[in-house]
Amino acid sequence: MEIGLRERKKLKTRAAIQREAMRLFLERGFEETTVEDIAEAVEISPSTFFNYFPSKEEVVFEDELDPLILTAFDALPAAMHPIRRLRTAMQEVFGQMTPEQSKVMRERMQLLATTPELRGAMLSQFASIVDQIAHLLGPRVGRKRDDFAVHNIAGAVLGVLLAAMLELVDNPKADMLKVTDDALAHLEAGLPLDWPPGKRR
């Protein structure tokens, strides 16, 4: 289905807000950058900013790749284990990222890991993010949204992805797709301590 002109304009404005916000956060610092600063850079009003994002934090939290990963997940066989489906979907989407998208994602991770205000907000939202993942995952694997096992998987997925993010922040030259996939592969294998297989202590 073709996207209409109005929707294209909205997507363009949303992308411009995120782009300029990230630029200002990196140049000035997250706390020092105001919503008014971002709005001025995009040439919109502060009230228009809030039409797109409820807070400054959400500009960093929102990932444009999430809908693409869900679409790729949905296209895979329902009988596939949900962790393997997620790994495969992320491999497909990450493998098609442009250098600019990869750069922005690394910058987002750096901000999330090193900015106390953002890190605190992310951790305080942990339960709500687990719920969101579970609500998206449940119907896709034929289970109820409040299924205990689905919530466990959602929490475990979020946990290993956060660990992967911290690893990438500590090692900026590491391959983002490999680190992320290795984290999920470890989860899929049951989180054994002798990981990766064959690694000497």
C-alpha atoms as a PDB file:
ATOM      1  CA  MET A   1       0.000   0.000   0.000  1.00  0.00           C
ATOM      2  CA  GLU A   2       1.393   3.354  -1.025  1.00  0.00           C
ATOM      3  CA  ILE A   3       1.917   5.901   1.737  1.00  0.00           C
ATOM      4  CA  GLY A   4      -0.013   9.142   1.228  1.00  0.00           C
ATOM      5  CA  LEU A   5       1.547  12.586   1.053  1.00  0.00           C
ATOM      6  CA  ARG A   6       0.404  13.543   4.558  1.00  0.00           C
ATOM      7  CA  GLU A   7       1.918  10.407   6.084  1.00  0.00           C
ATOM      8  CA  ARG A   8       5.171  10.890   4.154  1.00  0.00           C
ATOM      9  CA  LYS A   9       5.441  14.425   5.540  1.00  0.00           C
ATOM     10  CA  LYS A  10       4.891  13.141   9.059  1.00  0.00           C
ATOM     11  CA  LEU A  11       7.565  10.474   8.641  1.00  0.00           C
ATOM     12  CA  LYS A  12       9.961  13.063   7.218  1.00  0.00           C
ATOM     13  CA  THR A  13       9.352  15.400  10.159  1.00  0.00           C
ATOM     14  CA  ARG A  14       9.781  12.584  12.689  1.00  0.00           C
ATOM     15  CA  ALA A  15      13.084  11.572  11.065  1.00  0.00           C
ATOM     16  CA  ALA A  16      14.260  15.211  11.055  1.00  0.00           C
ATOM     17  CA  ILE A  17      13.449  15.569  14.771  1.00  0.00           C
ATOM     18  CA  GLN A  18      15.441  12.454  15.637  1.00  0.00           C
ATOM     19  CA  ARG A  19      18.343  13.448  13.395  1.00  0.00           C
ATOM     20  CA  GLU A  20      18.659  16.977  14.788  1.00  0.00           C
ATOM     21  CA  ALA A  21      18.062  15.837  18.351  1.00  0.00           C
ATOM     22  CA  MET A  22      20.851  13.263  18.115  1.00  0.00           C
ATOM     23  CA  ARG A  23      23.186  15.855  16.617  1.00  0.00           C
ATOM     24  CA  LEU A  24      22.474  18.294  19.449  1.00  0.00           C
ATOM     25  CA  PHE A  25      22.713  15.620  22.167  1.00  0.00           C
ATOM     26  CA  LEU A  26      26.153  14.612  20.893  1.00  0.00           C
ATOM     27  CA  GLU A  27      27.345  18.201  20.458  1.00  0.00           C
ATOM     28  CA  ARG A  28      25.958  19.744  23.671  1.00  0.00           C
ATOM     29  CA  GLY A  29      25.008  16.832  25.879  1.00  0.00           C
ATOM     30  CA  PHE A  30      21.580  15.361  26.568  1.00  0.00           C
ATOM     31  CA  GLU A  31      20.784  17.397  29.672  1.00  0.00           C
ATOM     32  CA  GLU A  32      21.988  20.651  28.114  1.00  0.00           C
ATOM     33  CA  THR A  33      19.749  20.239  25.045  1.00  0.00           C
ATOM     34  CA  THR A  34      16.155  21.420  25.446  1.00  0.00           C
ATOM     35  CA  VAL A  35      13.044  20.570  23.484  1.00  0.00           C
ATOM     36  CA  GLU A  36      13.068  24.209  22.352  1.00  0.00           C
ATOM     37  CA  ASP A  37      16.594  23.727  20.945  1.00  0.00           C
ATOM     38  CA  ILE A  38      15.480  20.679  18.970  1.00  0.00           C
ATOM     39  CA  ALA A  39      12.329  22.387  17.704  1.00  0.00           C
ATOM     40  CA  GLU A  40      14.336  25.399  16.557  1.00  0.00           C
ATOM     41  CA  ALA A  41      16.813  23.187  14.686  1.00  0.00           C
ATOM     42  CA  VAL A  42      13.971  21.431  12.843  1.00  0.00           C
ATOM     43  CA  GLU A  43      12.060  24.716  12.349  1.00  0.00           C
ATOM     44  CA  ILE A  44       8.948  23.538  14.149  1.00  0.00           C
ATOM     45  CA  SER A  45       7.236  24.692  17.326  1.00  0.00           C
ATOM     46  CA  PRO A  46       7.781  22.926  20.670  1.00  0.00           C
ATOM     47  CA  SER A  47       4.116  21.908  20.620  1.00  0.00           C
ATOM     48  CA  THR A  48       4.670  20.225  17.242  1.00  0.00           C
ATOM     49  CA  PHE A  49       7.611  18.323  18.762  1.00  0.00           C
ATOM     50  CA  PHE A  50       5.242  16.870  21.373  1.00  0.00           C
ATOM     51  CA  ASN A  51       2.889  15.730  18.604  1.00  0.00           C
ATOM     52  CA  TYR A  52       5.631  13.305  17.586  1.00  0.00           C
ATOM     53  CA  PHE A  53       7.393  12.460  20.857  1.00  0.00           C
ATOM     54  CA  PRO A  54       5.995  12.642  24.412  1.00  0.00           C
ATOM     55  CA  SER A  55       9.406  13.502  25.866  1.00  0.00           C
ATOM     56  CA  LYS A  56      13.030  14.202  25.027  1.00  0.00           C
ATOM     57  CA  GLU A  57      13.950  10.705  26.223  1.00  0.00           C
ATOM     58  CA  GLU A  58      11.605   9.042  23.734  1.00  0.00           C
ATOM     59  CA  VAL A  59      13.556  10.591  20.850  1.00  0.00           C
ATOM     60  CA  VAL A  60      16.480   8.393  21.867  1.00  0.00           C
ATOM     61  CA  PHE A  61      14.444   5.337  22.873  1.00  0.00           C
ATOM     62  CA  GLU A  62      12.465   5.046  19.630  1.00  0.00           C
ATOM     63  CA  ASP A  63      14.107   2.847  16.997  1.00  0.00           C
ATOM     64  CA  GLU A  64      12.986   3.113  13.383  1.00  0.00           C
ATOM     65  CA  LEU A  65      14.131  -0.481  12.779  1.00  0.00           C
ATOM     66  CA  ASP A  66      11.684  -2.045  15.265  1.00  0.00           C
ATOM     67  CA  PRO A  67       8.725  -2.173  12.812  1.00  0.00           C
ATOM     68  CA  LEU A  68      10.994  -3.707  10.158  1.00  0.00           C
ATOM     69  CA  ILE A  69      12.139  -6.415  12.584  1.00  0.00           C
ATOM     70  CA  LEU A  70       8.511  -7.218  13.465  1.00  0.00           C
ATOM     71  CA  THR A  71       7.616  -7.479   9.773  1.00  0.00           C
ATOM     72  CA  ALA A  72      10.552  -9.827   9.146  1.00  0.00           C
ATOM     73  CA  PHE A  73       9.588 -11.847  12.259  1.00  0.00           C
ATOM     74  CA  ASP A  74       6.021 -12.242  10.987  1.00  0.00           C
ATOM     75  CA  ALA A  75       7.254 -13.497   7.611  1.00  0.00           C
ATOM     76  CA  LEU A  76       9.071 -16.459   9.205  1.00  0.00           C
ATOM     77  CA  PRO A  77       7.467 -19.866   9.960  1.00  0.00           C
ATOM     78  CA  ALA A  78       5.339 -19.810  13.117  1.00  0.00           C
ATOM     79  CA  ALA A  79       6.757 -23.183  14.144  1.00  0.00           C
ATOM     80  CA  MET A  80      10.268 -21.719  14.444  1.00  0.00           C
ATOM     81  CA  HIS A  81      11.433 -21.118  18.035  1.00  0.00           C
ATOM     82  CA  PRO A  82      10.728 -17.442  18.909  1.00  0.00           C
ATOM     83  CA  ILE A  83      14.376 -16.711  19.750  1.00  0.00           C
ATOM     84  CA  ARG A  84      15.533 -18.208  16.449  1.00  0.00           C
ATOM     85  CA  ARG A  85      12.832 -16.222  14.645  1.00  0.00           C
ATOM     86  CA  LEU A  86      14.015 -13.037  16.318  1.00  0.00           C
ATOM     87  CA  ARG A  87      17.650 -13.794  15.478  1.00  0.00           C
ATOM     88  CA  THR A  88      16.782 -14.444  11.844  1.00  0.00           C
ATOM     89  CA  ALA A  89      14.629 -11.309  11.603  1.00  0.00           C
ATOM     90  CA  MET A  90      17.344  -9.146  13.141  1.00  0.00           C
ATOM     91  CA  GLN A  91      19.996 -10.652  10.854  1.00  0.00           C
ATOM     92  CA  GLU A  92      17.861  -9.734   7.860  1.00  0.00           C
ATOM     93  CA  VAL A  93      17.182  -6.153   8.988  1.00  0.00           C
ATOM     94  CA  PHE A  94      20.636  -5.404  10.396  1.00  0.00           C
ATOM     95  CA  GLY A  95      22.206  -6.852   7.275  1.00  0.00           C
ATOM     96  CA  GLN A  96      20.415  -4.224   5.186  1.00  0.00           C
ATOM     97  CA  MET A  97      21.303  -1.238   7.378  1.00  0.00           C
ATOM     98  CA  THR A  98      22.997   1.683   5.678  1.00  0.00           C
ATOM     99  CA  PRO A  99      26.259   3.021   7.138  1.00  0.00           C
ATOM    100  CA  GLU A 100      24.295   6.062   8.354  1.00  0.00           C
ATOM    101  CA  GLN A 101      21.720   3.888  10.143  1.00  0.00           C
ATOM    102  CA  SER A 102      24.510   1.875  11.753  1.00  0.00           C
ATOM    103  CA  LYS A 103      26.214   5.083  12.882  1.00  0.00           C
ATOM    104  CA  VAL A 104      23.001   6.467  14.393  1.00  0.00           C
ATOM    105  CA  MET A 105      22.309   3.199  16.208  1.00  0.00           C
ATOM    106  CA  ARG A 106      25.773   3.197  17.771  1.00  0.00           C
ATOM    107  CA  GLU A 107      25.331   6.819  18.818  1.00  0.00           C
ATOM    108  CA  ARG A 108      21.987   5.981  20.434  1.00  0.00           C
ATOM    109  CA  MET A 109      23.548   3.101  22.355  1.00  0.00           C
ATOM    110  CA  GLN A 110      26.387   5.347  23.500  1.00  0.00           C
ATOM    111  CA  LEU A 111      23.922   7.955  24.776  1.00  0.00           C
ATOM    112  CA  LEU A 112      21.747   5.356  26.518  1.00  0.00           C
ATOM    113  CA  ALA A 113      24.708   3.739  28.245  1.00  0.00           C
ATOM    114  CA  THR A 114      26.586   6.888  29.293  1.00  0.00           C
ATOM    115  CA  THR A 115      23.868   9.444  30.090  1.00  0.00           C
ATOM    116  CA  PRO A 116      22.650   8.939  33.698  1.00  0.00           C
ATOM    117  CA  GLU A 117      19.245  10.502  32.993  1.00  0.00           C
ATOM    118  CA  LEU A 118      18.645   8.204  30.012  1.00  0.00           C
ATOM    119  CA  ARG A 119      20.067   5.139  31.700  1.00  0.00           C
ATOM    120  CA  GLY A 120      17.852   5.705  34.721  1.00  0.00           C
ATOM    121  CA  ALA A 121      14.778   6.252  32.551  1.00  0.00           C
ATOM    122  CA  MET A 122      15.531   3.086  30.585  1.00  0.00           C
ATOM    123  CA  LEU A 123      15.912   0.969  33.710  1.00  0.00           C
ATOM    124  CA  SER A 124      12.790   2.453  35.310  1.00  0.00           C
ATOM    125  CA  GLN A 125      10.828   1.430  32.224  1.00  0.00           C
ATOM    126  CA  PHE A 126      12.201  -2.125  32.213  1.00  0.00           C
ATOM    127  CA  ALA A 127       8.932  -3.748  33.370  1.00  0.00           C
ATOM    128  CA  SER A 128       6.883  -1.749  30.892  1.00  0.00           C
ATOM    129  CA  ILE A 129       9.260  -2.651  28.031  1.00  0.00           C
ATOM    130  CA  VAL A 130       9.030  -6.347  28.970  1.00  0.00           C
ATOM    131  CA  ASP A 131       5.236  -6.030  28.848  1.00  0.00           C
ATOM    132  CA  GLN A 132       5.427  -4.379  25.423  1.00  0.00           C
ATOM    133  CA  ILE A 133       7.668  -7.129  24.055  1.00  0.00           C
ATOM    134  CA  ALA A 134       5.419  -9.826  25.553  1.00  0.00           C
ATOM    135  CA  HIS A 135       2.296  -8.215  24.077  1.00  0.00           C
ATOM    136  CA  LEU A 136       3.930  -8.164  20.655  1.00  0.00           C
ATOM    137  CA  LEU A 137       5.375 -11.667  20.980  1.00  0.00           C
ATOM    138  CA  GLY A 138       2.410 -13.519  22.519  1.00  0.00           C
ATOM    139  CA  PRO A 139      -0.022 -13.435  19.571  1.00  0.00           C
ATOM    140  CA  ARG A 140       2.858 -14.145  17.177  1.00  0.00           C
ATOM    141  CA  VAL A 141       3.630 -17.460  18.871  1.00  0.00           C
ATOM    142  CA  GLY A 142       0.025 -18.463  19.528  1.00  0.00           C
ATOM    143  CA  ARG A 143       0.018 -17.601  23.228  1.00  0.00           C
ATOM    144  CA  LYS A 144      -1.849 -15.074  25.364  1.00  0.00           C
ATOM    145  CA  ARG A 145      -0.293 -11.661  25.942  1.00  0.00           C
ATOM    146  CA  ASP A 146      -0.081 -12.280  29.705  1.00  0.00           C
ATOM    147  CA  ASP A 147       1.377 -15.796  29.353  1.00  0.00           C
ATOM    148  CA  PHE A 148       4.056 -16.380  32.005  1.00  0.00           C
ATOM    149  CA  ALA A 149       6.457 -18.117  29.592  1.00  0.00           C
ATOM    150  CA  VAL A 150       6.088 -15.310  27.050  1.00  0.00           C
ATOM    151  CA  HIS A 151       6.940 -12.722  29.711  1.00  0.00           C
ATOM    152  CA  ASN A 152       9.973 -14.771  30.745  1.00  0.00           C
ATOM    153  CA  ILE A 153      11.196 -14.887  27.149  1.00  0.00           C
ATOM    154  CA  ALA A 154      10.558 -11.141  26.746  1.00  0.00           C
ATOM    155  CA  GLY A 155      12.548 -10.348  29.890  1.00  0.00           C
ATOM    156  CA  ALA A 156      15.390 -12.625  28.857  1.00  0.00           C
ATOM    157  CA  VAL A 157      15.529 -11.108  25.355  1.00  0.00           C
ATOM    158  CA  LEU A 158      15.653  -7.595  26.764  1.00  0.00           C
ATOM    159  CA  GLY A 159      18.334  -8.604  29.250  1.00  0.00           C
ATOM    160  CA  VAL A 160      20.720 -10.108  26.692  1.00  0.00           C
ATOM    161  CA  LEU A 161      20.149  -7.213  24.275  1.00  0.00           C
ATOM    162  CA  LEU A 162      21.060  -4.743  27.028  1.00  0.00           C
ATOM    163  CA  ALA A 163      24.198  -6.782  27.727  1.00  0.00           C
ATOM    164  CA  ALA A 164      25.032  -6.686  24.012  1.00  0.00           C
ATOM    165  CA  MET A 165      24.535  -2.920  23.976  1.00  0.00           C
ATOM    166  CA  LEU A 166      26.984  -2.459  26.844  1.00  0.00           C
ATOM    167  CA  GLU A 167      29.504  -4.710  25.089  1.00  0.00           C
ATOM    168  CA  LEU A 168      29.244  -2.582  21.938  1.00  0.00           C
ATOM    169  CA  VAL A 169      29.667   0.637  23.920  1.00  0.00           C
ATOM    170  CA  ASP A 170      32.804  -0.778  25.565  1.00  0.00           C
ATOM    171  CA  ASN A 171      34.121  -2.016  22.194  1.00  0.00           C
ATOM    172  CA  PRO A 172      33.091   0.532  19.528  1.00  0.00           C
ATOM    173  CA  LYS A 173      34.879  -1.397  16.758  1.00  0.00           C
ATOM    174  CA  ALA A 174      33.018  -4.645  17.451  1.00  0.00           C
ATOM    175  CA  ASP A 175      30.647  -5.947  14.778  1.00  0.00           C
ATOM    176  CA  MET A 176      27.171  -4.850  15.913  1.00  0.00           C
ATOM    177  CA  LEU A 177      25.300  -7.668  14.154  1.00  0.00           C
ATOM    178  CA  LYS A 178      27.678 -10.357  15.436  1.00  0.00           C
ATOM    179  CA  VAL A 179      27.589  -9.166  19.051  1.00  0.00           C
ATOM    180  CA  THR A 180      23.790  -8.932  19.016  1.00  0.00           C
ATOM    181  CA  ASP A 181      23.350 -12.307  17.335  1.00  0.00           C
ATOM    182  CA  ASP A 182      25.868 -13.949  19.691  1.00  0.00           C
ATOM    183  CA  ALA A 183      23.879 -12.625  22.661  1.00  0.00           C
ATOM    184  CA  LEU A 184      20.643 -14.094  21.306  1.00  0.00           C
ATOM    185  CA  ALA A 185      22.370 -17.339  20.312  1.00  0.00           C
ATOM    186  CA  HIS A 186      23.619 -17.670  23.902  1.00  0.00           C
ATOM    187  CA  LEU A 187      20.043 -17.207  25.127  1.00  0.00           C
ATOM    188  CA  GLU A 188      18.730 -19.713  22.585  1.00  0.00           C
ATOM    189  CA  ALA A 189      21.286 -22.246  23.841  1.00  0.00           C
ATOM    190  CA  GLY A 190      20.044 -21.831  27.429  1.00  0.00           C
ATOM    191  CA  LEU A 191      22.733 -19.402  28.661  1.00  0.00           C
ATOM    192  CA  PRO A 192      25.463 -22.006  29.394  1.00  0.00           C
ATOM    193  CA  LEU A 193      28.529 -20.665  31.199  1.00  0.00           C
ATOM    194  CA  ASP A 194      30.918 -22.401  28.788  1.00  0.00           C
ATOM    195  CA  TRP A 195      30.101 -19.972  25.991  1.00  0.00           C
ATOM    196  CA  PRO A 196      30.955 -19.754  23.192  1.00  0.00           C
ATOM    197  CA  PRO A 197      31.354 -23.509  22.711  1.00  0.00           C
ATOM    198  CA  GLY A 198      34.965 -24.612  22.772  1.00  0.00           C
ATOM    199  CA  LYS A 199      36.240 -21.422  24.395  1.00  0.00           C
ATOM    200  CA  ARG A 200      39.030 -22.093  26.862  1.00  0.00           C
ATOM    201  CA  ARG A 201      38.797 -20.524  30.305  1.00  0.00           C
END
